[in-house]
């Protein structure tokens, strides 16, 4: 999932309400600008990176300007409320940034975001003398758009994805030691219950199943490629009971860890 990590405080450049019977505009290539629009009447069509997006009454449109032209057209009466700010960002692929799709539908409960846009429009003169106020409100607008989309699409919040990432990093650095959900949660400064919930939400499996499958794979490879005995390999990965490892492997994979299919292929 592509998200945006904001790198600089936004500077509100303009905010206005525009309405017209028809509309056609092609915006040139520009950098370091993001435009947020609320459609209060009618609909518009946005062409961005070769794809078309239709936004209707009540929708929110987010346009991050980059090295491409943006075309906006409306074939009938429409009205839009727009705010544009200068800022810089990077694109993230791990879901930890702000999720800002081109169109956020009205049914995603965007009223709070629309109200922030109108507040920005009403207060734009203040931002000339107090840029910090404009920056704070624009960042709040981006956060609200992110929140609307994550809630309606049941996507993990940025903090949840970050906790999951940190938990996985912790596990990978300690595969050869005993690992408990309680110890990892304490390292992250959260409760074991919260760790379990966010890990299952973001990864689709329980935290301890992730830990065990990572360790079992290491054990399997040692046995297959190095000829290490089960009890020795289990001990190297923090398990004191090889019988428990054997039962766990059978439970997860449906066959025993000593099954011939686990052996390394002959050269």
Protein backbone atom coordinates (compact mmCIF):
# COMPACT_ATOMS: atom_id res chain seq x y z
CA UNK A 1 0.00 0.00 0.00
CA UNK A 2 1.44 3.36 -1.06
CA UNK A 3 1.45 6.02 1.63
CA UNK A 4 2.98 9.47 2.06
CA UNK A 5 5.56 10.43 4.66
CA UNK A 6 5.43 14.22 5.07
CA UNK A 7 8.92 15.73 5.29
CA UNK A 8 8.29 19.48 5.65
CA UNK A 9 5.65 21.68 7.23
CA UNK A 10 3.04 22.61 4.62
CA UNK A 11 2.66 26.24 3.60
CA UNK A 12 -0.89 27.05 2.52
CA UNK A 13 -0.64 28.87 -0.81
CA UNK A 14 -4.29 29.39 -1.68
CA UNK A 15 -7.79 28.24 -0.71
CA UNK A 16 -10.99 29.06 -2.55
CA UNK A 17 -14.44 27.98 -3.69
CA UNK A 18 -14.98 27.66 -7.44
CA UNK A 19 -18.14 26.86 -9.38
CA UNK A 20 -18.89 26.87 -13.10
CA UNK A 21 -21.30 25.48 -15.69
CA UNK A 22 -18.44 23.59 -17.33
CA UNK A 23 -14.78 23.30 -16.48
CA UNK A 24 -11.60 22.19 -18.21
CA UNK A 25 -8.11 22.81 -16.92
CA UNK A 26 -4.72 21.20 -17.42
CA UNK A 27 -2.25 21.87 -14.65
CA UNK A 28 1.43 21.87 -15.67
CA UNK A 29 4.13 19.77 -14.08
CA UNK A 30 5.11 21.09 -10.69
CA UNK A 31 6.79 19.80 -7.56
CA UNK A 32 6.30 20.10 -3.82
CA UNK A 33 2.58 20.90 -3.89
CA UNK A 34 -0.52 19.02 -2.79
CA UNK A 35 -4.09 20.05 -3.56
CA UNK A 36 -7.11 18.84 -1.59
CA UNK A 37 -10.60 19.41 -3.02
CA UNK A 38 -14.09 18.84 -1.67
CA UNK A 39 -16.87 18.50 -4.30
CA UNK A 40 -19.98 20.26 -3.00
CA UNK A 41 -22.05 20.04 -6.22
CA UNK A 42 -21.94 18.00 -9.43
CA UNK A 43 -18.91 15.92 -10.37
CA UNK A 44 -15.46 16.22 -11.94
CA UNK A 45 -13.18 13.83 -13.80
CA UNK A 46 -9.47 13.84 -12.97
CA UNK A 47 -6.83 12.41 -15.31
CA UNK A 48 -3.70 11.57 -13.32
CA UNK A 49 -0.80 9.38 -14.46
CA UNK A 50 -2.90 8.09 -17.35
CA UNK A 51 -5.86 7.00 -15.20
CA UNK A 52 -9.25 8.66 -14.85
CA UNK A 53 -10.93 9.25 -11.50
CA UNK A 54 -14.51 10.49 -11.12
CA UNK A 55 -15.37 12.49 -8.01
CA UNK A 56 -19.01 13.26 -7.23
CA UNK A 57 -20.84 15.44 -4.73
CA UNK A 58 -19.44 14.92 -1.24
CA UNK A 59 -16.18 13.26 -2.36
CA UNK A 60 -12.69 14.42 -1.41
CA UNK A 61 -9.96 14.60 -4.07
CA UNK A 62 -6.27 14.55 -3.16
CA UNK A 63 -3.79 15.55 -5.86
CA UNK A 64 -0.07 15.25 -5.04
CA UNK A 65 1.67 17.19 -7.79
CA UNK A 66 4.77 15.61 -9.32
CA UNK A 67 6.38 15.36 -12.74
CA UNK A 68 3.14 14.83 -14.63
CA UNK A 69 0.30 16.97 -15.96
CA UNK A 70 -3.07 16.81 -14.25
CA UNK A 71 -6.26 17.35 -16.22
CA UNK A 72 -9.58 18.21 -14.54
CA UNK A 73 -12.86 18.54 -16.42
CA UNK A 74 -16.55 18.90 -15.65
CA UNK A 75 -19.20 18.68 -18.38
CA UNK A 76 -22.00 20.18 -16.26
CA UNK A 77 -22.40 22.55 -13.34
CA UNK A 78 -20.19 21.74 -10.39
CA UNK A 79 -18.70 23.45 -7.34
CA UNK A 80 -15.47 22.58 -5.57
CA UNK A 81 -13.74 23.84 -2.42
CA UNK A 82 -9.96 23.66 -2.80
CA UNK A 83 -6.86 24.26 -0.71
CA UNK A 84 -3.29 23.95 -2.03
CA UNK A 85 -0.16 23.81 0.09
CA UNK A 86 3.54 23.62 -0.64
CA UNK A 87 5.33 20.73 1.08
CA UNK A 88 7.62 17.79 0.40
CA UNK A 89 7.04 14.09 0.98
CA UNK A 90 8.38 10.64 0.23
CA UNK A 91 6.42 7.60 -0.91
CA UNK A 92 6.32 4.68 1.51
CA UNK A 93 5.43 1.09 0.70
CA UNK A 94 4.99 -0.24 4.22
CA UNK A 95 1.75 1.49 5.19
CA UNK A 96 3.36 3.61 7.90
CA UNK A 97 2.68 6.96 6.26
CA UNK A 98 -0.57 8.71 5.39
CA UNK A 99 -2.92 6.84 3.06
CA UNK A 100 -4.18 9.50 0.64
CA UNK A 101 -5.95 8.00 -2.39
CA UNK A 102 -6.93 10.27 -5.29
CA UNK A 103 -10.63 10.02 -4.39
CA UNK A 104 -12.08 9.44 -0.93
CA UNK A 105 -15.83 8.71 -1.36
CA UNK A 106 -18.46 10.67 0.55
CA UNK A 107 -19.73 7.48 2.18
CA UNK A 108 -16.43 7.23 4.05
CA UNK A 109 -17.78 9.91 6.42
CA UNK A 110 -15.67 12.78 5.11
CA UNK A 111 -17.63 15.56 6.83
CA UNK A 112 -14.77 16.41 9.20
CA UNK A 113 -12.31 16.66 6.29
CA UNK A 114 -14.73 18.89 4.32
CA UNK A 115 -15.15 21.15 7.35
CA UNK A 116 -11.37 21.55 7.67
CA UNK A 117 -11.17 22.58 4.00
CA UNK A 118 -13.88 25.21 4.51
CA UNK A 119 -12.13 26.43 7.66
CA UNK A 120 -8.90 26.77 5.69
CA UNK A 121 -10.75 28.76 3.03
CA UNK A 122 -12.32 31.03 5.61
CA UNK A 123 -9.05 31.68 7.44
CA UNK A 124 -6.60 31.87 4.55
CA UNK A 125 -5.77 35.54 5.20
CA UNK A 126 -4.58 34.63 8.70
CA UNK A 127 -2.08 32.16 7.28
CA UNK A 128 -0.18 34.96 5.58
CA UNK A 129 0.85 36.27 9.00
CA UNK A 130 0.76 32.95 10.87
CA UNK A 131 1.96 30.13 8.59
CA UNK A 132 2.12 27.72 11.53
CA UNK A 133 -1.68 27.78 11.93
CA UNK A 134 -2.16 26.92 8.27
CA UNK A 135 0.42 24.13 8.48
CA UNK A 136 -1.28 22.64 11.53
CA UNK A 137 -4.71 22.67 9.90
CA UNK A 138 -3.46 21.22 6.60
CA UNK A 139 -1.67 18.37 8.40
CA UNK A 140 -4.88 17.75 10.33
CA UNK A 141 -6.72 17.55 7.01
CA UNK A 142 -4.30 14.94 5.67
CA UNK A 143 -4.60 12.92 8.87
CA UNK A 144 -8.41 13.03 8.66
CA UNK A 145 -8.38 11.76 5.06
CA UNK A 146 -6.03 8.95 6.10
CA UNK A 147 -8.28 8.07 9.05
CA UNK A 148 -11.45 7.96 6.90
CA UNK A 149 -9.91 5.57 4.39
CA UNK A 150 -8.30 3.25 6.92
CA UNK A 151 -11.46 2.94 8.98
CA UNK A 152 -13.76 2.23 6.04
CA UNK A 153 -11.35 -0.12 4.25
CA UNK A 154 -10.37 -1.80 7.53
CA UNK A 155 -6.69 -1.02 6.93
CA UNK A 156 -4.17 -0.96 9.77
CA UNK A 157 -3.34 2.40 11.24
CA UNK A 158 0.24 3.64 10.73
CA UNK A 159 1.09 2.97 14.38
CA UNK A 160 -0.19 -0.60 14.11
CA UNK A 161 1.96 -1.30 11.05
CA UNK A 162 4.95 0.22 12.82
CA UNK A 163 4.49 -1.94 15.92
CA UNK A 164 4.26 -5.01 13.69
CA UNK A 165 7.44 -4.05 11.85
CA UNK A 166 9.34 -3.47 15.10
CA UNK A 167 8.08 -6.78 16.52
CA UNK A 168 9.28 -8.67 13.45
CA UNK A 169 12.67 -6.96 13.61
CA UNK A 170 12.96 -7.93 17.28
CA UNK A 171 12.12 -11.56 16.51
CA UNK A 172 14.55 -11.80 13.58
CA UNK A 173 17.36 -10.53 15.79
CA UNK A 174 16.65 -13.13 18.50
CA UNK A 175 15.59 -16.29 16.69
CA UNK A 176 18.13 -18.33 18.62
CA UNK A 177 16.74 -17.34 22.03
CA UNK A 178 13.41 -18.08 23.74
CA UNK A 179 10.80 -15.50 22.70
CA UNK A 180 7.50 -14.79 24.43
CA UNK A 181 4.71 -12.44 23.49
CA UNK A 182 5.09 -10.77 26.88
CA UNK A 183 8.81 -10.05 26.42
CA UNK A 184 8.35 -8.55 22.95
CA UNK A 185 5.40 -6.43 24.10
CA UNK A 186 7.49 -5.12 26.99
CA UNK A 187 10.28 -4.23 24.56
CA UNK A 188 7.79 -2.25 22.44
CA UNK A 189 6.14 -0.61 25.44
CA UNK A 190 2.68 -2.05 24.74
CA UNK A 191 0.51 -4.75 26.31
CA UNK A 192 0.75 -8.37 25.12
CA UNK A 193 -2.95 -8.23 24.21
CA UNK A 194 -2.45 -5.17 22.00
CA UNK A 195 0.56 -6.77 20.30
CA UNK A 196 -1.50 -9.88 19.58
CA UNK A 197 -4.37 -7.82 18.16
CA UNK A 198 -2.35 -5.54 15.87
CA UNK A 199 -0.12 -8.38 14.62
CA UNK A 200 -3.12 -10.51 13.69
CA UNK A 201 -4.77 -7.51 12.03
CA UNK A 202 -1.73 -6.62 9.89
CA UNK A 203 -0.28 -10.08 9.19
CA UNK A 204 -3.29 -12.38 9.28
CA UNK A 205 -1.67 -14.78 11.78
CA UNK A 206 -1.06 -14.69 15.51
CA UNK A 207 2.22 -13.29 16.80
CA UNK A 208 3.37 -16.57 18.37
CA UNK A 209 2.57 -18.52 15.20
CA UNK A 210 4.84 -16.10 13.33
CA UNK A 211 7.61 -16.66 15.90
CA UNK A 212 7.26 -20.42 15.79
CA UNK A 213 7.15 -20.70 11.99
CA UNK A 214 10.29 -18.56 11.67
CA UNK A 215 12.12 -20.77 14.19
CA UNK A 216 10.80 -24.01 12.69
CA UNK A 217 12.06 -23.01 9.26
CA UNK A 218 15.52 -22.43 10.73
CA UNK A 219 15.43 -25.82 12.43
CA UNK A 220 14.26 -27.56 9.26
CA UNK A 221 17.06 -26.02 7.20
CA UNK A 222 19.70 -27.03 9.76
CA UNK A 223 18.47 -30.61 9.79
CA UNK A 224 18.14 -30.88 6.02
CA UNK A 225 21.34 -29.16 4.93
CA UNK A 226 23.70 -29.66 7.86
CA UNK A 227 22.52 -33.02 9.17
CA UNK A 228 21.97 -31.58 12.66
CA UNK A 229 19.84 -33.74 14.96
CA UNK A 230 16.42 -32.49 15.99
CA UNK A 231 17.25 -32.00 19.67
CA UNK A 232 20.40 -30.07 18.75
CA UNK A 233 18.68 -27.84 16.20
CA UNK A 234 15.76 -27.22 18.56
CA UNK A 235 18.15 -26.13 21.32
CA UNK A 236 19.90 -23.74 18.93
CA UNK A 237 16.57 -21.97 18.38
CA UNK A 238 15.61 -21.72 22.04
CA UNK A 239 13.45 -24.84 22.42
CA UNK A 240 14.31 -27.17 25.31
CA UNK A 241 11.86 -29.92 24.26
CA UNK A 242 12.42 -31.50 20.81
CA UNK A 243 9.15 -33.43 21.13
CA UNK A 244 7.29 -30.11 21.41
CA UNK A 245 9.04 -28.91 18.24
CA UNK A 246 8.03 -32.08 16.43
CA UNK A 247 4.38 -31.72 17.48
CA UNK A 248 4.38 -28.02 16.53
CA UNK A 249 5.80 -28.73 13.09
CA UNK A 250 3.18 -31.44 12.46
CA UNK A 251 0.43 -29.07 13.60
CA UNK A 252 1.51 -26.26 11.28
CA UNK A 253 2.57 -28.22 8.20
CA UNK A 254 0.68 -31.51 8.37
CA UNK A 255 3.74 -33.76 8.26
CA UNK A 256 6.68 -34.47 10.57
CA UNK A 257 9.89 -32.49 10.58
CA UNK A 258 11.84 -35.72 9.92
CA UNK A 259 9.80 -36.48 6.80
CA UNK A 260 12.01 -37.26 3.74
CA UNK A 261 10.55 -34.25 1.88
CA UNK A 262 12.52 -32.03 4.27
CA UNK A 263 15.84 -33.48 3.22
CA UNK A 264 18.21 -31.44 1.10
CA UNK A 265 18.31 -32.55 -2.56
CA UNK A 266 21.32 -34.62 -3.50
CA UNK A 267 23.94 -32.86 -5.62
